[in-house]
Amino acid sequence: MIFSPAPPSGEGVGFWVGLDYGVGTPTHYWFQAGYIVGQAPDGNYYSQPILYAEYNNSGYHFQVMATSVAYRVNHFFQVWICGFCNTPLGYIQVDSNIVVTAPAPTQMANGNSIGGVMEVHQLPSLGSAGNVYTAGVWADLNYAASSPAYCPSLSCSAW
């Protein structure tokens, strides 16, 4: 849930959940969904929060799912990989709608990093002393594995 008005032009705040494979490598793949207010990866500035889906399988994709989303309203984001399908598929669900079904790289069928993040992007000119103009909160973060035999050591930490 996002609480505050949009940050100044050029800045952005995003909340997202996602699955990643190969972070920091040339084969970094991901599926994610969340909110953004302010500057978005599509180059547009949104003064009201938007809901979005983003993924990088064999190329980068960013989709706005809803614009002018109200502040202080909870939304449901879910991201998963069907690694047991004939062709691995990535799914992104926003609220009760599956908004993306796309081929997933085969590497993602065998394991992923799970993330729930609030990400703040500020203009470099503000430096580390800049104000954070937008605030929000995560609630009810959950994770699950469809087959413990394939994911025997899942763990979760929240702060």
Protein backbone atom coordinates (compact mmCIF):
# COMPACT_ATOMS: atom_id res chain seq x y z
CA MET A 1 0.00 0.00 0.00
CA ILE A 2 1.36 3.43 -0.90
CA PHE A 3 0.54 6.23 1.52
CA SER A 4 1.98 9.49 0.29
CA PRO A 5 1.84 11.72 -2.80
CA ALA A 6 4.14 11.26 -5.75
CA PRO A 7 7.81 12.24 -5.47
CA PRO A 8 9.26 15.09 -7.55
CA SER A 9 9.80 14.67 -11.27
CA GLY A 10 12.63 12.27 -12.07
CA GLU A 11 12.21 10.29 -8.86
CA GLY A 12 10.20 7.15 -8.29
CA VAL A 13 9.14 4.70 -5.64
CA GLY A 14 8.23 1.10 -6.36
CA PHE A 15 6.97 -1.84 -4.36
CA TRP A 16 7.29 -5.21 -6.02
CA VAL A 17 7.36 -8.95 -5.53
CA GLY A 18 9.33 -11.09 -7.88
CA LEU A 19 11.23 -14.22 -8.76
CA ASP A 20 14.78 -13.83 -10.02
CA TYR A 21 17.39 -16.12 -11.49
CA GLY A 22 21.02 -15.19 -12.02
CA VAL A 23 21.04 -11.80 -10.28
CA GLY A 24 24.18 -9.88 -11.25
CA THR A 25 24.96 -12.13 -14.22
CA PRO A 26 24.40 -11.78 -17.99
CA THR A 27 21.60 -14.34 -17.60
CA HIS A 28 19.52 -12.38 -15.07
CA TYR A 29 15.91 -13.37 -15.66
CA TRP A 30 12.91 -12.25 -13.62
CA PHE A 31 9.14 -12.00 -13.29
CA GLN A 32 7.74 -9.26 -11.03
CA ALA A 33 4.60 -7.28 -10.24
CA GLY A 34 3.98 -4.23 -8.10
CA TYR A 35 3.18 -0.56 -7.71
CA ILE A 36 5.11 2.45 -8.96
CA VAL A 37 4.53 6.13 -8.33
CA GLY A 38 6.78 8.72 -9.99
CA GLN A 39 9.33 7.81 -12.65
CA ALA A 40 8.76 4.32 -14.14
CA PRO A 41 10.99 2.05 -16.27
CA ASP A 42 8.90 2.87 -19.35
CA GLY A 43 10.23 6.46 -19.17
CA ASN A 44 6.91 7.95 -18.07
CA TYR A 45 6.23 9.88 -14.87
CA TYR A 46 3.06 8.81 -13.02
CA SER A 47 1.64 11.25 -10.47
CA GLN A 48 -0.79 8.57 -9.24
CA PRO A 49 0.32 5.02 -8.44
CA ILE A 50 0.16 2.44 -11.23
CA LEU A 51 0.06 -1.35 -11.04
CA TYR A 52 2.55 -3.02 -13.34
CA ALA A 53 3.97 -6.33 -14.51
CA GLU A 54 7.58 -6.65 -15.62
CA TYR A 55 9.64 -9.58 -16.80
CA ASN A 56 12.84 -10.46 -18.56
CA ASN A 57 12.79 -13.91 -20.15
CA SER A 58 14.46 -13.64 -23.56
CA GLY A 59 13.85 -9.87 -23.62
CA TYR A 60 12.65 -7.09 -21.33
CA HIS A 61 8.90 -6.39 -20.97
CA PHE A 62 7.12 -3.70 -18.89
CA GLN A 63 3.32 -3.46 -18.85
CA VAL A 64 1.11 -0.96 -17.04
CA MET A 65 -1.87 -2.93 -15.71
CA ALA A 66 -3.83 -0.07 -14.10
CA THR A 67 -3.34 3.69 -13.88
CA SER A 68 -4.52 6.24 -11.30
CA VAL A 69 -4.62 3.62 -8.56
CA ALA A 70 -5.89 5.04 -5.28
CA TYR A 71 -3.50 5.62 -2.38
CA ARG A 72 -4.03 3.59 0.83
CA VAL A 73 -5.62 0.61 -0.94
CA ASN A 74 -4.26 -2.92 -0.65
CA HIS A 75 -3.57 -4.98 -3.76
CA PHE A 76 -2.58 -8.62 -4.26
CA PHE A 77 0.47 -9.54 -6.33
CA GLN A 78 1.51 -13.10 -7.10
CA VAL A 79 4.35 -14.41 -9.27
CA TRP A 80 5.15 -18.05 -9.96
CA ILE A 81 6.88 -20.42 -12.37
CA CYS A 82 5.40 -23.66 -13.59
CA GLY A 83 8.63 -25.63 -13.80
CA PHE A 84 6.87 -28.96 -14.27
CA CYS A 85 5.01 -27.92 -17.44
CA ASN A 86 6.23 -29.24 -20.79
CA THR A 87 7.47 -25.71 -21.45
CA PRO A 88 8.30 -23.73 -18.27
CA LEU A 89 5.93 -20.78 -17.91
CA GLY A 90 6.05 -17.66 -15.78
CA TYR A 91 2.82 -16.21 -14.39
CA ILE A 92 2.10 -12.77 -12.98
CA GLN A 93 -1.17 -12.12 -11.16
CA VAL A 94 -2.40 -8.68 -10.06
CA ASP A 95 -5.37 -8.75 -7.70
CA SER A 96 -7.46 -11.66 -9.01
CA ASN A 97 -6.34 -11.53 -12.65
CA ILE A 98 -3.51 -13.42 -14.31
CA VAL A 99 -2.08 -10.62 -16.44
CA VAL A 100 1.01 -12.33 -17.88
CA THR A 101 1.69 -15.88 -18.99
CA ALA A 102 5.04 -16.06 -20.75
CA PRO A 103 7.71 -18.65 -21.48
CA ALA A 104 10.21 -18.88 -18.63
CA PRO A 105 13.87 -19.64 -19.19
CA THR A 106 14.59 -23.28 -18.33
CA GLN A 107 17.01 -22.13 -15.60
CA MET A 108 14.05 -20.66 -13.68
CA ALA A 109 12.28 -24.01 -13.56
CA ASN A 110 14.96 -25.32 -11.19
CA GLY A 111 15.12 -22.59 -8.56
CA ASN A 112 14.63 -18.89 -7.95
CA SER A 113 15.28 -16.10 -5.50
CA ILE A 114 12.09 -14.73 -3.94
CA GLY A 115 11.85 -11.03 -3.20
CA GLY A 116 9.45 -8.51 -1.71
CA VAL A 117 10.99 -5.06 -1.86
CA MET A 118 10.25 -1.38 -1.46
CA GLU A 119 12.61 0.34 -3.87
CA VAL A 120 13.24 4.10 -3.81
CA HIS A 121 14.87 5.83 -6.78
CA GLN A 122 15.96 9.42 -6.18
CA LEU A 123 17.64 11.94 -8.38
CA PRO A 124 21.43 11.63 -8.04
CA SER A 125 21.57 15.35 -7.19
CA LEU A 126 19.79 14.65 -3.88
CA GLY A 127 22.54 12.29 -2.74
CA SER A 128 22.13 10.22 0.41
CA ALA A 129 20.80 13.24 2.33
CA GLY A 130 17.74 13.62 0.09
CA ASN A 131 14.24 13.32 1.47
CA VAL A 132 12.11 10.28 0.73
CA TYR A 133 8.82 11.82 -0.35
CA THR A 134 6.71 8.68 -0.65
CA ALA A 135 6.02 6.10 2.05
CA GLY A 136 4.27 2.76 2.05
CA VAL A 137 4.07 -0.62 3.73
CA TRP A 138 4.02 -4.32 2.85
CA ALA A 139 1.52 -6.55 4.63
CA ASP A 140 0.92 -10.30 4.54
CA LEU A 141 3.99 -11.40 2.59
CA ASN A 142 3.78 -15.15 1.95
CA TYR A 143 5.65 -17.69 -0.12
CA ALA A 144 5.00 -21.27 -1.06
CA ALA A 145 6.55 -24.15 -2.97
CA SER A 146 4.27 -26.45 -4.88
CA SER A 147 6.60 -29.38 -4.34
CA PRO A 148 8.71 -29.58 -1.14
CA ALA A 149 10.60 -32.46 -2.71
CA TYR A 150 12.09 -29.97 -5.15
CA CYS A 151 12.44 -27.13 -2.63
CA PRO A 152 13.29 -28.82 0.69
CA SER A 153 15.14 -25.91 2.29
CA LEU A 154 12.96 -22.87 1.63
CA SER A 155 13.31 -20.19 4.27
CA CYS A 156 11.84 -16.76 4.73
CA SER A 157 12.88 -13.69 6.66
CA ALA A 158 11.12 -10.35 7.01
CA TRP A 159 12.20 -7.07 8.51
